[in-house]
Protein backbone atom coordinates (compact mmCIF):
# COMPACT_ATOMS: atom_id res chain seq x y z
CA MET A 1 0.00 0.00 0.00
CA ILE A 2 1.32 3.44 -0.93
CA ALA A 3 1.38 5.89 1.99
CA ASN A 4 2.71 9.34 2.70
CA TYR A 5 5.53 9.81 5.19
CA VAL A 6 4.97 12.91 7.30
CA GLY A 7 6.73 14.01 10.46
CA GLY A 8 8.28 10.60 11.03
CA GLN A 9 5.01 8.68 10.58
CA TRP A 10 3.47 6.69 7.72
CA MET A 11 0.12 8.27 6.92
CA LYS A 12 -2.79 6.82 4.96
CA ILE A 13 -3.81 9.01 2.04
CA GLU A 14 -7.43 10.06 2.48
CA GLY A 15 -8.32 11.13 -1.07
CA PRO A 16 -10.72 8.84 -2.99
CA GLU A 17 -8.85 9.08 -6.29
CA ALA A 18 -6.01 6.68 -7.12
CA LEU A 19 -4.03 5.84 -10.26
CA PRO A 20 -2.94 2.32 -11.26
CA VAL A 21 0.76 1.46 -11.14
CA VAL A 22 1.46 -1.00 -13.94
CA ASN A 23 4.49 -3.14 -14.71
CA PRO A 24 5.21 -1.82 -18.24
CA ALA A 25 6.68 -5.12 -19.40
CA THR A 26 3.87 -7.43 -18.30
CA GLY A 27 0.85 -5.14 -18.06
CA GLU A 28 0.28 -6.40 -14.51
CA GLU A 29 -1.15 -3.90 -12.03
CA LEU A 30 1.31 -3.63 -9.15
CA GLY A 31 -0.86 -1.40 -6.99
CA ARG A 32 -2.42 2.02 -6.98
CA THR A 33 -1.12 5.48 -6.10
CA PRO A 34 -3.65 7.43 -4.03
CA LEU A 35 -3.61 11.11 -4.93
CA SER A 36 -3.01 13.39 -1.96
CA SER A 37 -4.76 16.72 -1.59
CA GLY A 38 -3.34 20.16 -0.97
CA VAL A 39 -4.34 19.70 2.67
CA GLU A 40 -2.09 16.64 2.96
CA LEU A 41 0.75 18.53 1.30
CA ASP A 42 0.27 21.32 3.83
CA ALA A 43 0.55 18.81 6.69
CA ALA A 44 3.89 17.62 5.35
CA VAL A 45 5.19 21.17 4.93
CA THR A 46 4.08 22.03 8.45
CA ALA A 47 5.95 19.01 9.80
CA ALA A 48 9.04 19.93 7.78
CA ALA A 49 8.92 23.53 8.99
CA ALA A 50 8.66 22.39 12.61
CA ALA A 51 11.58 19.97 12.19
CA PHE A 52 13.71 22.67 10.56
CA ARG A 53 13.92 24.70 13.77
CA ASP A 54 15.97 21.98 15.48
CA TRP A 55 17.59 20.36 12.43
CA ARG A 56 19.35 23.53 11.31
CA ARG A 57 21.07 23.67 14.72
CA VAL A 58 22.50 20.16 14.41
CA PRO A 59 26.20 20.53 13.53
CA VAL A 60 26.94 19.64 9.94
CA VAL A 61 29.41 16.96 11.00
CA GLU A 62 26.53 15.24 12.83
CA ARG A 63 24.04 15.73 10.00
CA VAL A 64 26.23 13.83 7.54
CA GLN A 65 26.46 10.84 9.89
CA TYR A 66 22.90 9.95 8.81
CA LEU A 67 24.11 9.96 5.21
CA PHE A 68 26.94 7.57 6.03
CA LYS A 69 24.33 5.22 7.51
CA LEU A 70 22.10 5.69 4.46
CA LYS A 71 24.94 4.79 2.09
CA ALA A 72 25.48 1.50 3.92
CA LEU A 73 21.76 0.70 3.78
CA LEU A 74 21.57 1.51 0.08
CA GLU A 75 24.49 -0.79 -0.61
CA ASP A 76 22.90 -3.56 1.43
CA GLN A 77 19.50 -3.24 -0.28
CA LEU A 78 20.75 -2.48 -3.79
CA ASP A 79 19.41 -5.65 -5.42
CA THR A 80 15.96 -5.29 -3.84
CA LEU A 81 15.76 -1.66 -4.92
CA ALA A 82 16.99 -2.48 -8.43
CA ALA A 83 14.34 -5.15 -8.93
CA THR A 84 11.66 -2.72 -7.75
CA ILE A 85 12.83 -0.08 -10.24
CA THR A 86 12.74 -2.62 -13.07
CA ARG A 87 9.25 -3.82 -12.18
CA GLU A 88 7.65 -0.40 -12.01
CA CYS A 89 9.83 1.58 -14.43
CA GLY A 90 10.69 -1.00 -17.07
CA LYS A 91 14.44 -0.63 -17.47
CA THR A 92 16.77 -3.61 -17.36
CA LEU A 93 18.16 -4.85 -14.08
CA ALA A 94 21.65 -3.70 -15.08
CA GLU A 95 20.31 -0.22 -15.82
CA SER A 96 18.49 -0.14 -12.47
CA ARG A 97 21.68 -1.09 -10.65
CA GLY A 98 23.53 1.63 -12.54
CA GLU A 99 20.90 4.16 -11.49
CA LEU A 100 21.35 3.21 -7.86
CA ARG A 101 25.12 3.53 -8.16
CA ARG A 102 24.57 7.14 -9.24
CA ALA A 103 22.23 7.73 -6.30
CA ILE A 104 24.80 6.31 -3.87
CA GLU A 105 27.49 8.44 -5.48
CA ASN A 106 25.50 11.58 -4.62
CA VAL A 107 25.14 10.44 -1.01
CA GLU A 108 28.92 9.97 -0.89
CA VAL A 109 29.59 13.47 -2.23
CA ALA A 110 27.06 15.02 0.16
CA CYS A 111 28.97 13.40 3.03
CA GLY A 112 31.66 15.98 2.22
CA THR A 113 29.32 18.85 3.06
CA PRO A 114 31.35 19.92 6.14
CA THR A 115 34.03 21.06 3.67
CA LEU A 116 31.75 22.09 0.80
CA VAL A 117 29.56 24.33 2.95
CA GLN A 118 32.45 26.44 4.23
CA GLY A 119 32.32 30.18 3.65
CA TYR A 120 35.23 32.62 3.51
CA ASN A 121 36.49 35.71 5.28
CA SER A 122 38.75 38.73 4.96
CA GLU A 123 40.51 40.38 7.86
CA ASP A 124 40.99 44.17 8.08
CA ILE A 125 38.81 45.20 5.15
CA ALA A 126 39.14 48.55 6.93
CA VAL A 127 41.06 49.36 10.12
CA GLY A 128 39.84 46.96 12.79
CA ILE A 129 36.97 45.61 10.65
CA ASP A 130 36.63 42.01 9.44
CA GLU A 131 34.16 40.55 6.96
CA ILE A 132 32.83 36.99 6.89
CA MET A 133 30.59 35.06 4.49
CA ILE A 134 28.74 32.12 6.01
CA ARG A 135 26.23 29.71 4.50
CA GLN A 136 22.95 28.96 6.23
CA PRO A 137 20.09 26.60 5.27
CA LEU A 138 17.00 27.93 3.51
CA GLY A 139 14.23 26.03 5.30
CA VAL A 140 11.70 23.69 3.69
CA CYS A 141 12.68 22.49 0.19
CA ALA A 142 10.54 20.49 -2.24
CA ILE A 143 11.61 17.90 -4.83
CA ILE A 144 9.29 17.01 -7.72
CA ALA A 145 10.69 13.84 -9.31
CA PRO A 146 10.02 12.15 -12.69
CA PHE A 147 9.28 8.51 -13.50
CA ASN A 148 12.38 7.59 -15.49
CA PHE A 149 14.94 7.57 -12.64
CA PRO A 150 12.89 7.14 -9.45
CA ALA A 151 15.96 6.61 -7.24
CA MET A 152 18.74 8.63 -8.84
CA ILE A 153 17.08 11.95 -9.58
CA PRO A 154 15.71 12.63 -6.07
CA PHE A 155 19.27 12.06 -4.86
CA TRP A 156 20.60 14.84 -7.09
CA PHE A 157 19.01 17.04 -4.43
CA LEU A 158 17.91 15.29 -1.23
CA PRO A 159 21.24 14.40 0.45
CA TYR A 160 22.67 17.88 -0.19
CA ALA A 161 19.53 19.61 1.07
CA ILE A 162 19.47 17.82 4.42
CA ALA A 163 23.26 17.93 4.86
CA CYS A 164 23.05 21.71 4.50
CA GLY A 165 20.45 21.82 7.29
CA ASN A 166 17.22 22.04 5.32
CA THR A 167 14.15 19.84 5.59
CA VAL A 168 12.57 18.25 2.54
CA VAL A 169 9.24 17.25 1.00
CA VAL A 170 9.55 14.78 -1.90
CA LYS A 171 6.76 14.30 -4.47
CA PRO A 172 7.59 11.11 -6.42
CA SER A 173 6.08 10.39 -9.81
CA GLU A 174 2.69 8.78 -9.36
CA LYS A 175 3.72 6.27 -12.07
CA VAL A 176 6.57 4.79 -10.00
CA PRO A 177 5.85 5.25 -6.27
CA PHE A 178 7.28 2.00 -4.88
CA THR A 179 10.95 2.92 -5.20
CA MET A 180 10.55 6.01 -3.03
CA GLN A 181 8.55 4.00 -0.50
CA LEU A 182 11.52 1.67 -0.11
CA LEU A 183 14.02 4.53 -0.05
CA MET A 184 12.01 6.29 2.67
CA GLN A 185 12.01 3.10 4.73
CA LEU A 186 15.82 3.08 4.53
CA ILE A 187 16.01 6.77 5.44
CA GLU A 188 13.77 6.03 8.43
CA ARG A 189 16.16 3.28 9.53
CA THR A 190 19.02 5.79 9.77
CA GLY A 191 17.27 7.38 12.76
CA LEU A 192 16.91 10.73 10.99
CA PRO A 193 14.62 12.97 13.09
CA GLY A 194 10.97 12.99 12.07
CA GLY A 195 10.01 15.75 9.65
CA VAL A 196 13.45 16.18 8.11
CA VAL A 197 12.42 14.13 5.06
CA ASN A 198 8.76 13.77 4.11
CA VAL A 199 7.08 12.05 1.14
CA VAL A 200 3.76 13.11 -0.37
CA ASN A 201 2.31 11.08 -3.22
CA GLY A 202 0.00 12.66 -5.73
CA GLY A 203 -0.48 14.39 -9.04
CA ARG A 204 -0.98 17.90 -10.32
CA GLU A 205 -2.88 19.15 -7.26
CA VAL A 206 0.13 18.41 -5.05
CA VAL A 207 2.54 20.03 -7.54
CA ASP A 208 0.45 23.20 -7.70
CA ALA A 209 0.23 23.28 -3.90
CA ILE A 210 4.03 23.01 -3.70
CA LEU A 211 4.49 25.92 -6.09
CA GLU A 212 2.15 28.15 -4.08
CA HIS A 213 2.99 27.15 -0.51
CA ALA A 214 4.39 30.11 1.41
CA GLN A 215 6.63 27.98 3.67
CA ILE A 216 8.43 26.20 0.83
CA ARG A 217 11.61 28.12 0.09
CA ALA A 218 13.06 26.14 -2.84
CA VAL A 219 11.82 23.77 -5.55
CA SER A 220 13.86 21.21 -7.53
CA PHE A 221 12.14 19.71 -10.58
CA VAL A 222 13.02 17.29 -13.39
CA GLY A 223 10.63 16.57 -16.27
CA SER A 224 9.60 17.81 -19.70
CA SER A 225 10.58 21.32 -20.77
CA ALA A 226 6.96 22.43 -21.03
CA VAL A 227 6.27 21.48 -17.42
CA ALA A 228 9.69 22.74 -16.29
CA ARG A 229 8.92 26.15 -17.75
CA HIS A 230 5.56 26.19 -15.93
CA VAL A 231 7.08 25.11 -12.62
CA TYR A 232 9.89 27.63 -12.89
CA ALA A 233 7.61 30.55 -13.74
CA ARG A 234 5.01 29.81 -11.10
CA ALA A 235 7.42 28.97 -8.29
CA ALA A 236 9.63 31.97 -9.04
CA ALA A 237 6.56 34.22 -9.07
CA SER A 238 5.89 32.93 -5.55
CA GLY A 239 9.36 34.07 -4.48
CA LYS A 240 10.99 30.64 -4.37
CA ARG A 241 14.46 29.57 -5.41
CA VAL A 242 13.97 27.19 -8.36
CA GLN A 243 16.00 24.74 -10.47
CA CYS A 244 14.14 22.97 -13.28
CA GLN A 245 15.75 20.37 -15.54
CA GLY A 246 13.74 20.01 -18.74
CA GLY A 247 13.75 17.89 -21.89
CA ALA A 248 16.33 17.27 -24.58
CA LYS A 249 17.01 16.39 -28.19
CA ASN A 250 20.62 15.36 -27.87
CA PRO A 251 22.75 15.36 -31.05
CA VAL A 252 25.80 13.18 -31.60
CA VAL A 253 28.29 14.09 -34.33
CA VAL A 254 30.37 11.38 -36.02
CA LEU A 255 33.48 12.46 -37.96
CA PRO A 256 35.23 10.37 -40.62
CA ASP A 257 38.24 9.90 -38.34
CA ALA A 258 36.16 8.28 -35.57
CA ASP A 259 36.55 4.64 -34.59
CA LEU A 260 33.40 3.49 -36.38
CA GLU A 261 32.77 0.24 -34.51
CA SER A 262 33.24 1.88 -31.13
CA ALA A 263 31.14 4.91 -32.10
CA ALA A 264 28.24 2.75 -33.32
CA GLU A 265 28.26 0.67 -30.14
CA ILE A 266 28.38 3.71 -27.86
CA VAL A 267 25.72 5.65 -29.78
CA ALA A 268 23.43 2.60 -29.75
CA ASP A 269 23.79 2.34 -25.97
CA SER A 270 23.05 6.05 -25.65
CA ALA A 271 20.03 6.09 -27.98
CA PHE A 272 18.40 2.83 -26.88
CA GLY A 273 19.53 2.40 -23.26
CA CYS A 274 16.62 2.82 -20.82
CA ALA A 275 14.39 2.59 -23.93
CA GLY A 276 15.48 6.13 -24.79
CA GLN A 277 13.68 7.45 -21.69
CA ARG A 278 16.47 9.57 -20.28
CA CYS A 279 17.38 13.18 -20.75
CA LEU A 280 20.88 12.27 -21.98
CA ALA A 281 19.75 9.83 -24.68
CA SER A 282 21.18 10.54 -28.13
CA SER A 283 18.35 11.17 -30.58
CA LEU A 284 20.05 12.86 -33.57
CA ALA A 285 23.13 11.35 -35.21
CA ILE A 286 24.89 13.82 -37.52
CA THR A 287 27.43 12.21 -39.84
CA VAL A 288 30.12 14.30 -41.51
CA GLY A 289 31.59 13.54 -44.94
CA GLU A 290 32.19 10.01 -46.11
CA VAL A 291 31.20 8.32 -42.83
CA ARG A 292 27.50 8.67 -43.71
CA ARG A 293 26.80 5.25 -45.21
CA PRO A 294 29.20 3.19 -43.05
CA PHE A 295 27.73 4.65 -39.88
CA ALA A 296 24.14 4.12 -41.05
CA ASP A 297 24.91 0.48 -41.74
CA ALA A 298 26.69 0.02 -38.41
CA ILE A 299 24.03 1.67 -36.27
CA GLY A 300 21.30 -0.20 -38.11
CA GLU A 301 22.98 -3.48 -37.26
CA LYS A 302 23.32 -2.51 -33.60
CA ALA A 303 19.66 -1.45 -33.41
CA SER A 304 18.24 -4.54 -35.09
CA GLY A 305 20.33 -6.88 -32.92
CA ARG A 306 19.32 -5.36 -29.58
CA VAL A 307 17.33 -7.82 -27.45
CA THR A 308 14.09 -6.25 -26.20
CA GLY A 309 11.97 -7.73 -23.41
CA TYR A 310 11.33 -7.82 -19.66
CA GLY A 311 14.24 -6.26 -17.80
CA LEU A 312 14.31 -9.02 -15.17
CA ASP A 313 14.90 -11.69 -17.81
CA GLU A 314 18.42 -12.85 -18.58
CA GLY A 315 20.01 -11.40 -21.71
CA VAL A 316 17.52 -8.57 -22.23
CA GLN A 317 19.24 -5.34 -23.37
CA MET A 318 16.24 -2.99 -23.53
CA GLY A 319 12.92 -2.88 -21.73
CA PRO A 320 9.54 -1.31 -22.51
CA VAL A 321 8.51 2.32 -22.37
CA ILE A 322 6.56 3.47 -19.35
CA SER A 323 2.96 3.20 -20.58
CA GLY A 324 0.64 2.25 -23.40
CA GLU A 325 0.02 5.94 -24.04
CA SER A 326 3.74 6.51 -24.39
CA ALA A 327 4.15 3.58 -26.79
CA ALA A 328 1.27 4.84 -28.94
CA ARG A 329 2.69 8.36 -28.96
CA ILE A 330 6.12 7.11 -30.09
CA ASP A 331 4.54 5.00 -32.84
CA THR A 332 2.63 8.05 -34.04
CA LEU A 333 5.77 10.18 -34.11
CA ILE A 334 7.65 7.54 -36.13
CA THR A 335 4.74 7.39 -38.60
CA GLN A 336 4.77 11.18 -38.87
CA ALA A 337 8.53 11.15 -39.51
CA VAL A 338 8.03 8.69 -42.36
CA SER A 339 5.28 10.91 -43.74
CA ASP A 340 7.73 13.84 -43.60
CA GLY A 341 10.24 11.96 -45.76
CA ALA A 342 12.23 9.74 -43.39
CA ARG A 343 13.24 6.20 -44.36
CA THR A 344 13.12 3.52 -41.68
CA VAL A 345 16.50 1.80 -41.52
CA VAL A 346 15.13 -0.18 -38.56
CA ASP A 347 11.43 0.00 -37.68
CA GLY A 348 10.53 -0.76 -34.06
CA ARG A 349 6.80 -0.07 -34.18
CA ARG A 350 4.40 -2.68 -32.76
CA PRO A 351 7.12 -5.29 -32.20
CA GLY A 352 4.98 -7.98 -30.60
CA ILE A 353 7.06 -9.54 -27.80
CA ALA A 354 5.49 -13.01 -27.67
CA ALA A 355 6.21 -13.68 -24.00
CA TYR A 356 4.70 -10.36 -22.92
CA PRO A 357 1.81 -9.47 -25.24
CA ARG A 358 0.46 -6.83 -22.82
CA GLY A 359 3.80 -5.01 -22.49
CA TYR A 360 4.44 -1.48 -23.74
CA PHE A 361 7.25 -2.28 -26.14
CA VAL A 362 8.80 -0.20 -28.90
CA LYS A 363 11.94 -1.72 -30.39
CA PRO A 364 14.97 0.37 -31.40
CA THR A 365 14.17 2.51 -34.44
CA VAL A 366 16.58 4.22 -36.83
CA LEU A 367 15.29 6.88 -39.25
CA ASP A 368 17.35 8.17 -42.18
CA ARG A 369 16.85 11.30 -44.28
CA LEU A 370 14.42 12.95 -41.88
CA PRO A 371 14.44 16.63 -42.91
CA LEU A 372 15.70 18.90 -40.15
CA SER A 373 12.74 21.11 -41.02
CA SER A 374 10.37 18.37 -39.81
CA PRO A 375 8.82 19.06 -36.40
CA ILE A 376 9.85 15.53 -35.39
CA ALA A 377 13.51 16.55 -35.74
CA GLN A 378 12.93 19.05 -32.92
CA THR A 379 10.57 16.93 -30.80
CA GLU A 380 11.71 15.08 -27.70
CA ILE A 381 10.36 11.63 -28.55
CA PHE A 382 11.52 10.09 -25.23
CA GLY A 383 11.73 6.65 -26.74
CA PRO A 384 14.26 4.41 -28.54
CA VAL A 385 14.33 6.42 -31.76
CA LEU A 386 17.47 7.74 -33.48
CA SER A 387 17.34 9.87 -36.63
CA LEU A 388 20.32 10.18 -38.99
CA HIS A 389 21.33 13.46 -40.64
CA HIS A 390 24.26 14.33 -42.87
CA VAL A 391 26.48 17.39 -43.37
CA GLU A 392 29.84 17.97 -45.05
CA THR A 393 31.80 19.84 -42.35
CA LEU A 394 32.20 19.98 -38.59
CA GLU A 395 31.14 23.63 -38.69
CA GLU A 396 27.84 22.65 -40.29
CA ALA A 397 27.35 19.97 -37.64
CA ILE A 398 27.94 22.47 -34.83
CA ALA A 399 25.43 24.81 -36.46
CA VAL A 400 22.82 22.03 -36.36
CA VAL A 401 23.60 21.45 -32.67
CA ASN A 402 23.17 25.12 -31.84
CA GLU A 403 20.02 25.66 -33.90
CA GLY A 404 18.05 23.20 -31.76
CA VAL A 405 15.81 24.53 -29.01
CA TYR A 406 17.33 22.26 -26.37
CA GLY A 407 20.79 22.34 -24.85
CA ASN A 408 21.20 19.37 -22.57
CA GLN A 409 23.98 17.37 -24.21
CA ALA A 410 25.93 17.01 -27.44
CA SER A 411 28.60 14.42 -28.24
CA LEU A 412 31.40 14.18 -30.78
CA PHE A 413 33.19 11.07 -32.04
CA THR A 414 36.64 11.77 -33.43
CA SER A 415 40.33 10.94 -33.09
CA SER A 416 41.33 14.61 -33.49
CA GLY A 417 42.10 16.68 -30.41
CA ALA A 418 41.72 19.88 -32.45
CA HIS A 419 38.22 18.90 -33.57
CA ALA A 420 37.32 17.91 -30.02
CA ARG A 421 38.42 21.26 -28.68
CA GLN A 422 36.52 23.14 -31.38
CA PHE A 423 33.39 21.18 -30.58
CA ARG A 424 33.50 21.59 -26.82
CA TYR A 425 34.24 25.30 -27.26
CA ASP A 426 31.42 26.06 -29.72
CA ALA A 427 28.62 23.62 -28.82
CA GLU A 428 25.96 25.55 -26.88
CA VAL A 429 24.97 22.79 -24.48
CA GLY A 430 25.42 22.08 -20.79
CA ASN A 431 27.02 18.64 -21.07
CA VAL A 432 29.56 17.69 -23.77
CA GLY A 433 30.72 14.17 -24.58
CA ILE A 434 33.91 13.44 -26.53
CA ASN A 435 33.80 9.81 -27.66
CA VAL A 436 31.18 9.40 -24.90
CA GLY A 437 27.51 8.82 -25.68
CA VAL A 438 26.01 9.60 -22.27
CA ALA A 439 27.96 12.49 -20.77
CA ALA A 440 26.44 12.06 -17.31
CA PRO A 441 28.51 14.15 -14.88
CA MET A 442 29.93 12.56 -11.77
CA ALA A 443 28.17 13.65 -8.61
CA PHE A 444 30.88 16.18 -7.72
CA PHE A 445 30.13 18.05 -11.00
CA PRO A 446 26.85 19.84 -11.79
CA PHE A 447 24.30 18.28 -14.13
CA SER A 448 24.56 21.24 -16.48
CA GLY A 449 21.63 21.55 -18.86
CA ALA A 450 21.32 24.79 -20.87
CA ARG A 451 18.93 26.77 -23.06
CA GLY A 452 15.53 25.03 -23.39
CA SER A 453 16.73 22.13 -21.25
CA PHE A 454 17.19 24.06 -18.00
CA PHE A 455 15.44 26.88 -16.17
CA GLY A 456 17.34 28.42 -13.28
CA ASP A 457 20.91 29.27 -12.34
CA LEU A 458 22.26 26.52 -10.08
CA HIS A 459 22.06 22.87 -11.13
CA GLY A 460 21.75 19.63 -9.21
CA GLN A 461 24.73 17.76 -7.71
CA GLY A 462 28.06 18.83 -6.23
CA ARG A 463 28.92 22.41 -5.37
CA ASP A 464 25.94 23.77 -7.30
CA ALA A 465 23.66 21.81 -4.97
CA ILE A 466 25.42 23.19 -1.90
CA GLU A 467 25.00 26.74 -3.20
CA PHE A 468 21.37 26.15 -4.16
CA PHE A 469 20.41 24.81 -0.75
CA THR A 470 22.14 27.54 1.28
CA GLN A 471 21.68 31.25 1.75
CA GLU A 472 24.81 33.36 1.88
CA LYS A 473 25.04 35.74 4.82
CA VAL A 474 27.76 38.38 5.02
CA VAL A 475 28.80 39.64 8.45
CA VAL A 476 30.86 42.82 8.93
CA GLU A 477 32.40 43.05 12.41
CA ARG A 478 34.22 45.73 14.36
CA TRP A 479 35.47 45.28 17.92
CA PRO A 480 37.24 48.49 19.05
CA ARG A 481 39.99 47.90 21.56
CA THR A 482 38.62 50.60 23.84
CA TRP A 483 35.58 48.39 24.58
CA SER A 484 37.77 45.59 25.97
CA ARG A 485 39.24 47.95 28.59
CA ARG A 486 36.00 47.73 30.55
CA PHE A 487 36.98 44.24 31.72
């Protein structure tokens, strides 16, 4: 049963409305997510605000001890958590384990908060006057998480927020609630004081309540760009600090001097890993010069040979997409691309996985000759679809990268250091990969989306997270010697 966690207690959700949670590979209903009301969100915020008064006074070196305990629990329960992610999210077991490794990595980095949260000072800025900058927690912070990485993405934010002395309300995706239920049980086992971390399940009503709530000081969001823009505008208008990671249409450029076999393998993993449902998935492959046909043949072979099925089954390399609606939408977009002039090198529509006829499967799809003027070339499909485009020079390829509305990631495959430097210098994106298909930053670097892929100033992870979850306070002090003579 899905419950909220408020003030250190598991709370039954009172609302009558609930949404089914379905295993996307089998079509089996795993349970239902009750939708909380704004009143239930308010109860969680009230508990978090009450807990903040004492939590902020706990020394940072003591706060991170709970994170050390959490890391050990996550390691111990990794396989159970991974299987849960696969059942409700659809990715392969190996992908789920990889997601958890990234979550644990963020906990590890947040354990360094005693150093990361340090301020700085200057002595004698004027005669007898010193100046100090210190960092203090904000208060209650909210995290609105997506379905595609139910463990990793909340941990871009949560461990840093509480290590800095804030309290947190997490709103998981209603499509994948079980992972956060398990994670909250582990957090509870650390002995963390009640109210420091709270979980409220629900849909749009809870999100809107978060954006308007006067006691919530900061909002962290990951999802589509359209929703990210809405969340950013509405939360900022309410005076909150906001970071919103949006969608993507990530291009990968392949030069003639690239290692073709390696490039094809890496691009296939990027485009079709997690069924393309990640914000760093490659979705446009831009070939330069004479590599056009060899790369098309190589990537087509990789796509057609990828084993699709239930992520808990041995040998499966790609799972389903999240829902029947998503599968139908992806099929429609592929059909529209063909109507716009694309040729299907590999067609993954309606694949028919015999063992799982009720699953939401779309096999890897490769489209060639899709005009860049087609709306599909600018649409985040969020599925295992890669379109191929061709130009004659690296400069033309960079122009295609920069003309897109998104700016999450771009990758280049080459053996030339000069070309690599030109690309990383000129590509207007937040994350750059050189001979890397998924340029996912380590937890001590920011996850740096740009342009239409990010709304805000400070990103998740690392030092950006520390800055986002703290308020700078500058103190100017003067202690004249004459005052000390009274003693």
